Every structure is written in C-alpha cells, then in structure tokens.
Amino acid sequence: MRRFMSRDKERPHPATFPVRLAEMCLRIHGRNSELTVLDPFLGIGNAAMAARACGVKEFIGIEIDEQYLGVARERLAASASPSRS
C-alpha cells in the first residue's frame, strides 16, 4: 500500500517540515564535531538532510515505514552525489 501516491513528490509524507527548520534548530542548540543527532521519527529524512548540511558527524534515524525509509535513503544518496553541470 502506497500511502503517499497522490501527494506531491516534494512532500510524500503527511507530517513533513522544511529542512531549513531542522537546520535552524541544530544551529540554535549548537553543533560540534562530537554532536550526535537522534531522530526517532525519521520520515522522509528532513532532519537527516539538515544534519548533513550542518556538518553533523553522526546521525541516527528511526523509521518503521519502509517506504518512507526508502525515500529518506534516496534523498540522502542524491544529496551526497556531486551535481552534474
């Protein structure tokens, strides 16, 4: 069952938040090379994307829905790939 078939490709999860919001939270609470971020509700990986953008060394995400986890993995892989011009 695909829960997000009819949703926009940018928001395939019903409870998403902007990556920028998570980035602001990380910056407010401080970040350093020893920081580990835990997201117990990974969803499509916006917090993971923010952690990567902020240079967080270790990120742990928990997601029980395999489809959302797949989307998160795809997004992280795409953001790690060098862009082609």
Protein backbone atom coordinates (compact mmCIF):
# COMPACT_ATOMS: atom_id res chain seq x y z
CA MET A 1 0.00 0.00 0.00
CA ARG A 2 1.43 3.33 -1.01
CA ARG A 3 0.11 5.97 1.38
CA PHE A 4 1.56 8.90 -0.46
CA MET A 5 0.75 8.05 -4.08
CA SER A 6 -1.37 11.17 -4.56
CA ARG A 7 0.89 13.58 -2.70
CA ASP A 8 3.34 15.94 -4.30
CA LYS A 9 6.79 14.43 -4.90
CA GLU A 10 8.39 17.01 -2.60
CA ARG A 11 6.10 16.09 0.33
CA PRO A 12 5.34 12.38 0.19
CA HIS A 13 4.92 12.23 3.97
CA PRO A 14 1.87 13.80 5.66
CA ALA A 15 3.84 15.37 8.51
CA THR A 16 6.88 16.93 6.90
CA PHE A 17 8.65 20.10 7.94
CA PRO A 18 11.15 22.20 5.98
CA VAL A 19 14.78 21.06 6.10
CA ARG A 20 15.63 24.67 6.93
CA LEU A 21 13.62 24.43 10.18
CA ALA A 22 15.69 21.48 11.36
CA GLU A 23 18.87 23.33 10.35
CA MET A 24 17.84 26.31 12.49
CA CYS A 25 17.18 24.01 15.47
CA LEU A 26 20.62 22.44 15.12
CA ARG A 27 22.28 25.85 14.91
CA ILE A 28 20.36 27.19 17.93
CA HIS A 29 21.31 24.24 20.12
CA GLY A 30 24.89 24.26 18.97
CA ARG A 31 26.78 21.88 16.79
CA ASN A 32 30.24 20.49 17.04
CA SER A 33 32.24 17.54 15.82
CA GLU A 34 31.09 15.45 18.81
CA LEU A 35 27.38 16.02 18.23
CA THR A 36 25.11 13.04 17.57
CA VAL A 37 21.58 13.75 16.38
CA LEU A 38 18.80 11.23 17.03
CA ASP A 39 15.53 11.45 15.12
CA PRO A 40 13.11 8.80 16.43
CA PHE A 41 10.60 9.66 13.67
CA LEU A 42 12.79 9.88 10.55
CA GLY A 43 10.00 10.04 7.99
CA ILE A 44 11.47 11.12 4.64
CA GLY A 45 14.71 12.31 6.22
CA ASN A 46 14.43 16.07 6.53
CA ALA A 47 16.28 16.11 9.86
CA ALA A 48 19.00 13.91 8.35
CA MET A 49 19.32 16.31 5.42
CA ALA A 50 19.62 19.22 7.85
CA ALA A 51 22.22 17.40 9.94
CA ARG A 52 24.28 16.76 6.82
CA ALA A 53 24.00 20.41 5.79
CA CYS A 54 25.16 21.48 9.25
CA GLY A 55 28.15 19.15 9.23
CA VAL A 56 26.87 16.85 11.97
CA LYS A 57 29.23 13.92 12.23
CA GLU A 58 26.75 11.28 13.41
CA PHE A 59 23.02 10.99 12.73
CA ILE A 60 20.72 8.21 13.91
CA GLY A 61 17.24 7.96 12.42
CA ILE A 62 14.46 5.54 13.31
CA GLU A 63 11.60 4.81 10.90
CA ILE A 64 9.19 1.85 10.88
CA ASP A 65 7.67 2.56 7.46
CA GLU A 66 9.90 1.02 4.80
CA GLN A 67 8.57 3.32 2.07
CA TYR A 68 9.45 6.48 3.98
CA LEU A 69 12.82 4.99 4.90
CA GLY A 70 13.44 4.30 1.21
CA VAL A 71 12.62 7.91 0.33
CA ALA A 72 14.98 9.14 3.06
CA ARG A 73 17.80 6.93 1.80
CA GLU A 74 17.27 8.07 -1.79
CA ARG A 75 17.30 11.74 -0.79
CA LEU A 76 20.47 11.34 1.27
CA ALA A 77 22.19 9.43 -1.53
CA ALA A 78 21.18 12.10 -4.06
CA SER A 79 22.46 14.89 -1.82
CA ALA A 80 25.82 13.12 -1.42
CA SER A 81 26.30 12.75 -5.17
CA PRO A 82 28.19 15.53 -6.89
CA SER A 83 25.86 17.53 -9.11
CA ARG A 84 26.38 17.33 -12.84
CA SER A 85 26.54 20.55 -14.81
